[in-house]
Amino acid sequence: MGLNIPFFSQRKPRAFQLKPRYYDEHKERLAESEERVRKQLGIEQEKASQPTTYDQRIRGKFRESIEGATQRKNAKLRLSFVIAIIFFIAYMLYNQYV
């Protein structure tokens, strides 16, 4: 008999399960089969603005978020540099007239 006191029992960790929100497997399979048939028949399809598969869409969003973070980081760096220059000029002017 073990102690089944709730203060000393540890919960088992939950397994990670990724469930994409807007994912239609049937629609993706259908699009892939249509693309395969078009290639076999030699029909040119115009390029879609967004990638067709779920993985490609996720990669695109990840890339966009990284680029956005880089742009924000660069903007903060530029702003801090400009503020430092303004403070340096103000300091030089203050020391010159005092």
PDB file of N, CA and C in Angstrom:
ATOM      1  N   MET A   1       0.835  -1.185   0.000  1.00  0.00           N
ATOM      2  CA  MET A   1       0.000   0.000   0.000  1.00  0.00           C
ATOM      3  C   MET A   1       0.876   1.243   0.000  1.00  0.00           C
ATOM      4  N   GLY A   2       0.643   2.068  -0.940  1.00  0.00           N
ATOM      5  CA  GLY A   2       1.397   3.308  -1.016  1.00  0.00           C
ATOM      6  C   GLY A   2       0.557   4.470  -0.507  1.00  0.00           C
ATOM      7  N   LEU A   3       1.207   5.556  -0.302  1.00  0.00           N
ATOM      8  CA  LEU A   3       0.504   6.759   0.133  1.00  0.00           C
ATOM      9  C   LEU A   3      -0.132   7.434  -1.079  1.00  0.00           C
ATOM     10  N   ASN A   4      -1.411   7.564  -1.063  1.00  0.00           N
ATOM     11  CA  ASN A   4      -2.118   8.241  -2.130  1.00  0.00           C
ATOM     12  C   ASN A   4      -2.612   9.601  -1.669  1.00  0.00           C
ATOM     13  N   ILE A   5      -1.729  10.327  -1.067  1.00  0.00           N
ATOM     14  CA  ILE A   5      -2.072  11.657  -0.583  1.00  0.00           C
ATOM     15  C   ILE A   5      -1.854  12.633  -1.743  1.00  0.00           C
ATOM     16  N   PRO A   6      -2.829  13.486  -2.035  1.00  0.00           N
ATOM     17  CA  PRO A   6      -2.697  14.362  -3.195  1.00  0.00           C
ATOM     18  C   PRO A   6      -1.534  15.360  -3.092  1.00  0.00           C
ATOM     19  N   PHE A   7      -1.037  15.611  -1.881  1.00  0.00           N
ATOM     20  CA  PHE A   7       0.067  16.567  -1.746  1.00  0.00           C
ATOM     21  C   PHE A   7       1.370  16.003  -2.289  1.00  0.00           C
ATOM     22  N   PHE A   8       1.527  14.689  -2.264  1.00  0.00           N
ATOM     23  CA  PHE A   8       2.787  14.077  -2.654  1.00  0.00           C
ATOM     24  C   PHE A   8       2.731  13.386  -4.018  1.00  0.00           C
ATOM     25  N   SER A   9       1.575  13.323  -4.625  1.00  0.00           N
ATOM     26  CA  SER A   9       1.487  12.652  -5.919  1.00  0.00           C
ATOM     27  C   SER A   9       1.897  13.621  -7.028  1.00  0.00           C
ATOM     28  N   GLN A  10       2.574  13.106  -8.032  1.00  0.00           N
ATOM     29  CA  GLN A  10       2.998  13.919  -9.166  1.00  0.00           C
ATOM     30  C   GLN A  10       2.145  13.585 -10.367  1.00  0.00           C
ATOM     31  N   ARG A  11       1.793  14.604 -11.093  1.00  0.00           N
ATOM     32  CA  ARG A  11       1.016  14.391 -12.300  1.00  0.00           C
ATOM     33  C   ARG A  11       1.926  13.919 -13.417  1.00  0.00           C
ATOM     34  N   LYS A  12       1.401  13.075 -14.263  1.00  0.00           N
ATOM     35  CA  LYS A  12       2.170  12.621 -15.412  1.00  0.00           C
ATOM     36  C   LYS A  12       2.149  13.728 -16.471  1.00  0.00           C
ATOM     37  N   PRO A  13       3.275  13.937 -17.146  1.00  0.00           N
ATOM     38  CA  PRO A  13       3.296  14.988 -18.173  1.00  0.00           C
ATOM     39  C   PRO A  13       2.413  14.611 -19.360  1.00  0.00           C
ATOM     40  N   ARG A  14       1.763  15.611 -19.900  1.00  0.00           N
ATOM     41  CA  ARG A  14       0.907  15.375 -21.053  1.00  0.00           C
ATOM     42  C   ARG A  14       1.757  15.307 -22.311  1.00  0.00           C
ATOM     43  N   ALA A  15       1.372  14.488 -23.238  1.00  0.00           N
ATOM     44  CA  ALA A  15       2.094  14.365 -24.510  1.00  0.00           C
ATOM     45  C   ALA A  15       1.763  15.564 -25.393  1.00  0.00           C
ATOM     46  N   PHE A  16       2.735  15.980 -26.179  1.00  0.00           N
ATOM     47  CA  PHE A  16       2.544  17.104 -27.094  1.00  0.00           C
ATOM     48  C   PHE A  16       1.742  16.649 -28.299  1.00  0.00           C
ATOM     49  N   GLN A  17       0.690  17.375 -28.624  1.00  0.00           N
ATOM     50  CA  GLN A  17      -0.125  17.061 -29.789  1.00  0.00           C
ATOM     51  C   GLN A  17      -0.418  18.353 -30.529  1.00  0.00           C
ATOM     52  N   LEU A  18       0.083  18.443 -31.748  1.00  0.00           N
ATOM     53  CA  LEU A  18      -0.153  19.618 -32.566  1.00  0.00           C
ATOM     54  C   LEU A  18      -1.343  19.349 -33.470  1.00  0.00           C
ATOM     55  N   LYS A  19      -2.372  20.127 -33.301  1.00  0.00           N
ATOM     56  CA  LYS A  19      -3.554  20.003 -34.143  1.00  0.00           C
ATOM     57  C   LYS A  19      -3.746  21.327 -34.878  1.00  0.00           C
ATOM     58  N   PRO A  20      -3.419  21.372 -36.174  1.00  0.00           N
ATOM     59  CA  PRO A  20      -3.593  22.621 -36.913  1.00  0.00           C
ATOM     60  C   PRO A  20      -5.067  23.006 -36.971  1.00  0.00           C
ATOM     61  N   ARG A  21      -5.332  24.288 -36.902  1.00  0.00           N
ATOM     62  CA  ARG A  21      -6.713  24.740 -36.839  1.00  0.00           C
ATOM     63  C   ARG A  21      -7.452  24.609 -38.162  1.00  0.00           C
ATOM     64  N   TYR A  22      -6.881  25.162 -39.199  1.00  0.00           N
ATOM     65  CA  TYR A  22      -7.569  25.217 -40.477  1.00  0.00           C
ATOM     66  C   TYR A  22      -6.844  24.318 -41.468  1.00  0.00           C
ATOM     67  N   TYR A  23      -7.027  23.034 -41.335  1.00  0.00           N
ATOM     68  CA  TYR A  23      -6.335  22.077 -42.185  1.00  0.00           C
ATOM     69  C   TYR A  23      -7.342  21.074 -42.710  1.00  0.00           C
ATOM     70  N   ASP A  24      -7.466  21.011 -44.010  1.00  0.00           N
ATOM     71  CA  ASP A  24      -8.387  20.077 -44.639  1.00  0.00           C
ATOM     72  C   ASP A  24      -7.554  19.101 -45.460  1.00  0.00           C
ATOM     73  N   GLU A  25      -7.347  17.926 -44.913  1.00  0.00           N
ATOM     74  CA  GLU A  25      -6.488  16.938 -45.557  1.00  0.00           C
ATOM     75  C   GLU A  25      -7.070  16.496 -46.905  1.00  0.00           C
ATOM     76  N   HIS A  26      -8.360  16.343 -46.970  1.00  0.00           N
ATOM     77  CA  HIS A  26      -8.996  15.919 -48.218  1.00  0.00           C
ATOM     78  C   HIS A  26      -8.785  16.964 -49.322  1.00  0.00           C
ATOM     79  N   LYS A  27      -8.935  18.229 -48.979  1.00  0.00           N
ATOM     80  CA  LYS A  27      -8.759  19.299 -49.936  1.00  0.00           C
ATOM     81  C   LYS A  27      -7.314  19.356 -50.432  1.00  0.00           C
ATOM     82  N   GLU A  28      -6.373  19.131 -49.538  1.00  0.00           N
ATOM     83  CA  GLU A  28      -4.964  19.145 -49.923  1.00  0.00           C
ATOM     84  C   GLU A  28      -4.641  17.973 -50.848  1.00  0.00           C
ATOM     85  N   ARG A  29      -5.143  16.781 -50.516  1.00  0.00           N
ATOM     86  CA  ARG A  29      -4.917  15.617 -51.382  1.00  0.00           C
ATOM     87  C   ARG A  29      -5.524  15.835 -52.763  1.00  0.00           C
ATOM     88  N   LEU A  30      -6.713  16.421 -52.802  1.00  0.00           N
ATOM     89  CA  LEU A  30      -7.378  16.706 -54.066  1.00  0.00           C
ATOM     90  C   LEU A  30      -6.560  17.681 -54.910  1.00  0.00           C
ATOM     91  N   ALA A  31      -6.039  18.730 -54.287  1.00  0.00           N
ATOM     92  CA  ALA A  31      -5.228  19.711 -55.010  1.00  0.00           C
ATOM     93  C   ALA A  31      -3.940  19.074 -55.536  1.00  0.00           C
ATOM     94  N   GLU A  32      -3.316  18.209 -54.735  1.00  0.00           N
ATOM     95  CA  GLU A  32      -2.095  17.540 -55.179  1.00  0.00           C
ATOM     96  C   GLU A  32      -2.371  16.608 -56.354  1.00  0.00           C
ATOM     97  N   SER A  33      -3.481  15.884 -56.308  1.00  0.00           N
ATOM     98  CA  SER A  33      -3.804  14.983 -57.419  1.00  0.00           C
ATOM     99  C   SER A  33      -4.142  15.771 -58.681  1.00  0.00           C
ATOM    100  N   GLU A  34      -4.860  16.896 -58.541  1.00  0.00           N
ATOM    101  CA  GLU A  34      -5.145  17.744 -59.702  1.00  0.00           C
ATOM    102  C   GLU A  34      -3.852  18.268 -60.315  1.00  0.00           C
ATOM    103  N   GLU A  35      -2.918  18.671 -59.478  1.00  0.00           N
ATOM    104  CA  GLU A  35      -1.641  19.177 -59.964  1.00  0.00           C
ATOM    105  C   GLU A  35      -0.872  18.077 -60.705  1.00  0.00           C
ATOM    106  N   ARG A  36      -0.898  16.873 -60.168  1.00  0.00           N
ATOM    107  CA  ARG A  36      -0.216  15.747 -60.798  1.00  0.00           C
ATOM    108  C   ARG A  36      -0.813  15.443 -62.173  1.00  0.00           C
ATOM    109  N   VAL A  37      -2.143  15.467 -62.260  1.00  0.00           N
ATOM    110  CA  VAL A  37      -2.816  15.203 -63.531  1.00  0.00           C
ATOM    111  C   VAL A  37      -2.504  16.306 -64.537  1.00  0.00           C
ATOM    112  N   ARG A  38      -2.500  17.550 -64.096  1.00  0.00           N
ATOM    113  CA  ARG A  38      -2.178  18.668 -64.996  1.00  0.00           C
ATOM    114  C   ARG A  38      -0.760  18.548 -65.548  1.00  0.00           C
ATOM    115  N   LYS A  39       0.173  18.103 -64.696  1.00  0.00           N
ATOM    116  CA  LYS A  39       1.546  17.909 -65.159  1.00  0.00           C
ATOM    117  C   LYS A  39       1.608  16.782 -66.188  1.00  0.00           C
ATOM    118  N   GLN A  40       0.856  15.711 -65.964  1.00  0.00           N
ATOM    119  CA  GLN A  40       0.862  14.594 -66.903  1.00  0.00           C
ATOM    120  C   GLN A  40       0.248  14.985 -68.245  1.00  0.00           C
ATOM    121  N   LEU A  41      -0.790  15.818 -68.209  1.00  0.00           N
ATOM    122  CA  LEU A  41      -1.440  16.245 -69.445  1.00  0.00           C
ATOM    123  C   LEU A  41      -0.715  17.418 -70.099  1.00  0.00           C
ATOM    124  N   GLY A  42       0.190  18.033 -69.385  1.00  0.00           N
ATOM    125  CA  GLY A  42       0.947  19.157 -69.926  1.00  0.00           C
ATOM    126  C   GLY A  42       0.210  20.471 -69.858  1.00  0.00           C
ATOM    127  N   ILE A  43      -0.749  20.567 -68.986  1.00  0.00           N
ATOM    128  CA  ILE A  43      -1.514  21.807 -68.831  1.00  0.00           C
ATOM    129  C   ILE A  43      -0.759  22.717 -67.875  1.00  0.00           C
ATOM    130  N   GLU A  44      -0.520  23.937 -68.332  1.00  0.00           N
ATOM    131  CA  GLU A  44       0.159  24.926 -67.484  1.00  0.00           C
ATOM    132  C   GLU A  44      -0.863  25.569 -66.557  1.00  0.00           C
ATOM    133  N   GLN A  45      -0.510  25.655 -65.316  1.00  0.00           N
ATOM    134  CA  GLN A  45      -1.391  26.311 -64.350  1.00  0.00           C
ATOM    135  C   GLN A  45      -0.691  27.575 -63.891  1.00  0.00           C
ATOM    136  N   GLU A  46      -1.449  28.655 -63.793  1.00  0.00           N
ATOM    137  CA  GLU A  46      -0.846  29.902 -63.348  1.00  0.00           C
ATOM    138  C   GLU A  46      -0.437  29.779 -61.890  1.00  0.00           C
ATOM    139  N   LYS A  47       0.629  30.454 -61.553  1.00  0.00           N
ATOM    140  CA  LYS A  47       1.171  30.376 -60.202  1.00  0.00           C
ATOM    141  C   LYS A  47       0.203  31.020 -59.219  1.00  0.00           C
ATOM    142  N   ALA A  48      -0.069  30.326 -58.152  1.00  0.00           N
ATOM    143  CA  ALA A  48      -0.942  30.856 -57.097  1.00  0.00           C
ATOM    144  C   ALA A  48      -0.126  31.805 -56.232  1.00  0.00           C
ATOM    145  N   SER A  49      -0.781  32.773 -55.637  1.00  0.00           N
ATOM    146  CA  SER A  49      -0.073  33.732 -54.800  1.00  0.00           C
ATOM    147  C   SER A  49       0.380  33.102 -53.490  1.00  0.00           C
ATOM    148  N   GLN A  50      -0.331  32.074 -53.028  1.00  0.00           N
ATOM    149  CA  GLN A  50       0.040  31.402 -51.793  1.00  0.00           C
ATOM    150  C   GLN A  50       0.432  29.960 -52.108  1.00  0.00           C
ATOM    151  N   PRO A  51       1.334  29.399 -51.311  1.00  0.00           N
ATOM    152  CA  PRO A  51       1.724  27.997 -51.517  1.00  0.00           C
ATOM    153  C   PRO A  51       0.529  27.064 -51.339  1.00  0.00           C
ATOM    154  N   THR A  52       0.617  25.880 -51.948  1.00  0.00           N
ATOM    155  CA  THR A  52      -0.535  24.988 -51.946  1.00  0.00           C
ATOM    156  C   THR A  52      -0.583  24.084 -50.729  1.00  0.00           C
ATOM    157  N   THR A  53       0.538  23.613 -50.243  1.00  0.00           N
ATOM    158  CA  THR A  53       0.498  22.661 -49.148  1.00  0.00           C
ATOM    159  C   THR A  53       0.555  23.366 -47.805  1.00  0.00           C
ATOM    160  N   TYR A  54       0.096  22.660 -46.807  1.00  0.00           N
ATOM    161  CA  TYR A  54       0.049  23.210 -45.457  1.00  0.00           C
ATOM    162  C   TYR A  54       1.454  23.528 -44.946  1.00  0.00           C
ATOM    163  N   ASP A  55       2.406  22.633 -45.196  1.00  0.00           N
ATOM    164  CA  ASP A  55       3.775  22.849 -44.730  1.00  0.00           C
ATOM    165  C   ASP A  55       4.384  24.104 -45.343  1.00  0.00           C
ATOM    166  N   GLN A  56       4.135  24.330 -46.621  1.00  0.00           N
ATOM    167  CA  GLN A  56       4.686  25.506 -47.275  1.00  0.00           C
ATOM    168  C   GLN A  56       4.066  26.790 -46.722  1.00  0.00           C
ATOM    169  N   ARG A  57       2.780  26.741 -46.402  1.00  0.00           N
ATOM    170  CA  ARG A  57       2.148  27.929 -45.822  1.00  0.00           C
ATOM    171  C   ARG A  57       2.745  28.238 -44.458  1.00  0.00           C
ATOM    172  N   ILE A  58       2.983  27.204 -43.645  1.00  0.00           N
ATOM    173  CA  ILE A  58       3.556  27.412 -42.321  1.00  0.00           C
ATOM    174  C   ILE A  58       4.967  27.978 -42.440  1.00  0.00           C
ATOM    175  N   ARG A  59       5.767  27.422 -43.365  1.00  0.00           N
ATOM    176  CA  ARG A  59       7.119  27.936 -43.562  1.00  0.00           C
ATOM    177  C   ARG A  59       7.091  29.395 -43.978  1.00  0.00           C
ATOM    178  N   GLY A  60       6.142  29.756 -44.832  1.00  0.00           N
ATOM    179  CA  GLY A  60       6.026  31.142 -45.267  1.00  0.00           C
ATOM    180  C   GLY A  60       5.692  32.064 -44.111  1.00  0.00           C
ATOM    181  N   LYS A  61       4.785  31.659 -43.254  1.00  0.00           N
ATOM    182  CA  LYS A  61       4.422  32.485 -42.106  1.00  0.00           C
ATOM    183  C   LYS A  61       5.598  32.633 -41.145  1.00  0.00           C
ATOM    184  N   PHE A  62       6.351  31.541 -40.961  1.00  0.00           N
ATOM    185  CA  PHE A  62       7.505  31.591 -40.069  1.00  0.00           C
ATOM    186  C   PHE A  62       8.544  32.558 -40.621  1.00  0.00           C
ATOM    187  N   ARG A  63       8.767  32.492 -41.929  1.00  0.00           N
ATOM    188  CA  ARG A  63       9.743  33.378 -42.562  1.00  0.00           C
ATOM    189  C   ARG A  63       9.302  34.836 -42.415  1.00  0.00           C
ATOM    190  N   GLU A  64       8.005  35.094 -42.601  1.00  0.00           N
ATOM    191  CA  GLU A  64       7.490  36.455 -42.461  1.00  0.00           C
ATOM    192  C   GLU A  64       7.671  36.965 -41.036  1.00  0.00           C
ATOM    193  N   SER A  65       7.456  36.105 -40.050  1.00  0.00           N
ATOM    194  CA  SER A  65       7.597  36.544 -38.673  1.00  0.00           C
ATOM    195  C   SER A  65       9.053  36.837 -38.340  1.00  0.00           C
ATOM    196  N   ILE A  66       9.985  36.069 -38.883  1.00  0.00           N
ATOM    197  CA  ILE A  66      11.405  36.323 -38.646  1.00  0.00           C
ATOM    198  C   ILE A  66      11.814  37.641 -39.285  1.00  0.00           C
ATOM    199  N   GLU A  67      11.347  37.885 -40.524  1.00  0.00           N
ATOM    200  CA  GLU A  67      11.682  39.135 -41.200  1.00  0.00           C
ATOM    201  C   GLU A  67      11.112  40.326 -40.443  1.00  0.00           C
ATOM    202  N   GLY A  68       9.888  40.188 -39.926  1.00  0.00           N
ATOM    203  CA  GLY A  68       9.278  41.269 -39.155  1.00  0.00           C
ATOM    204  C   GLY A  68      10.046  41.550 -37.877  1.00  0.00           C
ATOM    205  N   ALA A  69      10.511  40.497 -37.215  1.00  0.00           N
ATOM    206  CA  ALA A  69      11.278  40.676 -35.987  1.00  0.00           C
ATOM    207  C   ALA A  69      12.600  41.357 -36.287  1.00  0.00           C
ATOM    208  N   THR A  70      13.227  41.001 -37.398  1.00  0.00           N
ATOM    209  CA  THR A  70      14.497  41.622 -37.783  1.00  0.00           C
ATOM    210  C   THR A  70      14.287  43.096 -38.085  1.00  0.00           C
ATOM    211  N   GLN A  71      13.204  43.421 -38.770  1.00  0.00           N
ATOM    212  CA  GLN A  71      12.924  44.820 -39.084  1.00  0.00           C
ATOM    213  C   GLN A  71      12.667  45.633 -37.816  1.00  0.00           C
ATOM    214  N   ARG A  72      11.925  45.055 -36.869  1.00  0.00           N
ATOM    215  CA  ARG A  72      11.668  45.763 -35.608  1.00  0.00           C
ATOM    216  C   ARG A  72      12.965  45.973 -34.831  1.00  0.00           C
ATOM    217  N   LYS A  73      13.830  44.969 -34.833  1.00  0.00           N
ATOM    218  CA  LYS A  73      15.105  45.078 -34.130  1.00  0.00           C
ATOM    219  C   LYS A  73      15.956  46.177 -34.756  1.00  0.00           C
ATOM    220  N   ASN A  74      16.001  46.235 -36.088  1.00  0.00           N
ATOM    221  CA  ASN A  74      16.771  47.273 -36.769  1.00  0.00           C
ATOM    222  C   ASN A  74      16.202  48.654 -36.491  1.00  0.00           C
ATOM    223  N   ALA A  75      14.878  48.774 -36.433  1.00  0.00           N
ATOM    224  CA  ALA A  75      14.257  50.060 -36.156  1.00  0.00           C
ATOM    225  C   ALA A  75      14.595  50.537 -34.745  1.00  0.00           C
ATOM    226  N   LYS A  76      14.582  49.627 -33.781  1.00  0.00           N
ATOM    227  CA  LYS A  76      14.939  49.995 -32.406  1.00  0.00           C
ATOM    228  C   LYS A  76      16.399  50.418 -32.320  1.00  0.00           C
ATOM    229  N   LEU A  77      17.261  49.722 -33.055  1.00  0.00           N
ATOM    230  CA  LEU A  77      18.683  50.056 -33.050  1.00  0.00           C
ATOM    231  C   LEU A  77      18.910  51.441 -33.652  1.00  0.00           C
ATOM    232  N   ARG A  78      18.243  51.747 -34.760  1.00  0.00           N
ATOM    233  CA  ARG A  78      18.369  53.069 -35.377  1.00  0.00           C
ATOM    234  C   ARG A  78      17.864  54.162 -34.444  1.00  0.00           C
ATOM    235  N   LEU A  79      16.736  53.919 -33.793  1.00  0.00           N
ATOM    236  CA  LEU A  79      16.171  54.913 -32.886  1.00  0.00           C
ATOM    237  C   LEU A  79      17.108  55.185 -31.723  1.00  0.00           C
ATOM    238  N   SER A  80      17.663  54.127 -31.140  1.00  0.00           N
ATOM    239  CA  SER A  80      18.583  54.329 -30.020  1.00  0.00           C
ATOM    240  C   SER A  80      19.849  55.049 -30.468  1.00  0.00           C
ATOM    241  N   PHE A  81      20.314  54.801 -31.680  1.00  0.00           N
ATOM    242  CA  PHE A  81      21.487  55.481 -32.204  1.00  0.00           C
ATOM    243  C   PHE A  81      21.206  56.969 -32.385  1.00  0.00           C
ATOM    244  N   VAL A  82      20.045  57.313 -32.931  1.00  0.00           N
ATOM    245  CA  VAL A  82      19.676  58.720 -33.124  1.00  0.00           C
ATOM    246  C   VAL A  82      19.536  59.420 -31.776  1.00  0.00           C
ATOM    247  N   ILE A  83      18.929  58.763 -30.805  1.00  0.00           N
ATOM    248  CA  ILE A  83      18.781  59.364 -29.472  1.00  0.00           C
ATOM    249  C   ILE A  83      20.144  59.580 -28.835  1.00  0.00           C
ATOM    250  N   ALA A  84      21.061  58.638 -29.001  1.00  0.00           N
ATOM    251  CA  ALA A  84      22.412  58.793 -28.450  1.00  0.00           C
ATOM    252  C   ALA A  84      23.126  59.976 -29.089  1.00  0.00           C
ATOM    253  N   ILE A  85      22.975  60.160 -30.388  1.00  0.00           N
ATOM    254  CA  ILE A  85      23.609  61.302 -31.070  1.00  0.00           C
ATOM    255  C   ILE A  85      23.019  62.611 -30.570  1.00  0.00           C
ATOM    256  N   ILE A  86      21.708  62.668 -30.382  1.00  0.00           N
ATOM    257  CA  ILE A  86      21.066  63.890 -29.884  1.00  0.00           C
ATOM    258  C   ILE A  86      21.555  64.213 -28.481  1.00  0.00           C
ATOM    259  N   PHE A  87      21.642  63.209 -27.615  1.00  0.00           N
ATOM    260  CA  PHE A  87      22.153  63.449 -26.271  1.00  0.00           C
ATOM    261  C   PHE A  87      23.612  63.902 -26.302  1.00  0.00           C
ATOM    262  N   PHE A  88      24.408  63.338 -27.187  1.00  0.00           N
ATOM    263  CA  PHE A  88      25.815  63.728 -27.292  1.00  0.00           C
ATOM    264  C   PHE A  88      25.931  65.182 -27.744  1.00  0.00           C
ATOM    265  N   ILE A  89      25.122  65.583 -28.729  1.00  0.00           N
ATOM    266  CA  ILE A  89      25.144  66.977 -29.196  1.00  0.00           C
ATOM    267  C   ILE A  89      24.680  67.914 -28.090  1.00  0.00           C
ATOM    268  N   ALA A  90      23.633  67.542 -27.369  1.00  0.00           N
ATOM    269  CA  ALA A  90      23.139  68.377 -26.265  1.00  0.00           C
ATOM    270  C   ALA A  90      24.196  68.498 -25.173  1.00  0.00           C
ATOM    271  N   TYR A  91      24.903  67.409 -24.881  1.00  0.00           N
ATOM    272  CA  TYR A  91      25.952  67.430 -23.876  1.00  0.00           C
ATOM    273  C   TYR A  91      27.093  68.352 -24.298  1.00  0.00           C
ATOM    274  N   MET A  92      27.481  68.289 -25.565  1.00  0.00           N
ATOM    275  CA  MET A  92      28.570  69.148 -26.058  1.00  0.00           C
ATOM    276  C   MET A  92      28.158  70.612 -26.008  1.00  0.00           C
ATOM    277  N   LEU A  93      26.913  70.905 -26.399  1.00  0.00           N
ATOM    278  CA  LEU A  93      26.432  72.294 -26.337  1.00  0.00           C
ATOM    279  C   LEU A  93      26.341  72.801 -24.901  1.00  0.00           C
ATOM    280  N   TYR A  94      25.918  71.955 -23.995  1.00  0.00           N
ATOM    281  CA  TYR A  94      25.799  72.329 -22.592  1.00  0.00           C
ATOM    282  C   TYR A  94      27.172  72.628 -22.004  1.00  0.00           C
ATOM    283  N   ASN A  95      28.179  71.787 -22.291  1.00  0.00           N
ATOM    284  CA  ASN A  95      29.528  72.028 -21.784  1.00  0.00           C
ATOM    285  C   ASN A  95      30.182  73.240 -22.415  1.00  0.00           C
ATOM    286  N   GLN A  96      29.821  73.579 -23.630  1.00  0.00           N
ATOM    287  CA  GLN A  96      30.421  74.718 -24.310  1.00  0.00           C
ATOM    288  C   GLN A  96      29.935  76.037 -23.689  1.00  0.00           C
ATOM    289  N   TYR A  97      28.671  76.121 -23.288  1.00  0.00           N
ATOM    290  CA  TYR A  97      28.106  77.368 -22.771  1.00  0.00           C
ATOM    291  C   TYR A  97      28.097  77.459 -21.261  1.00  0.00           C
ATOM    292  N   VAL A  98      28.487  76.412 -20.566  1.00  0.00           N
ATOM    293  CA  VAL A  98      28.503  76.479 -19.097  1.00  0.00           C
ATOM    294  C   VAL A  98      29.870  76.723 -18.573  1.00  0.00           C
TER     295      VAL A  98
END
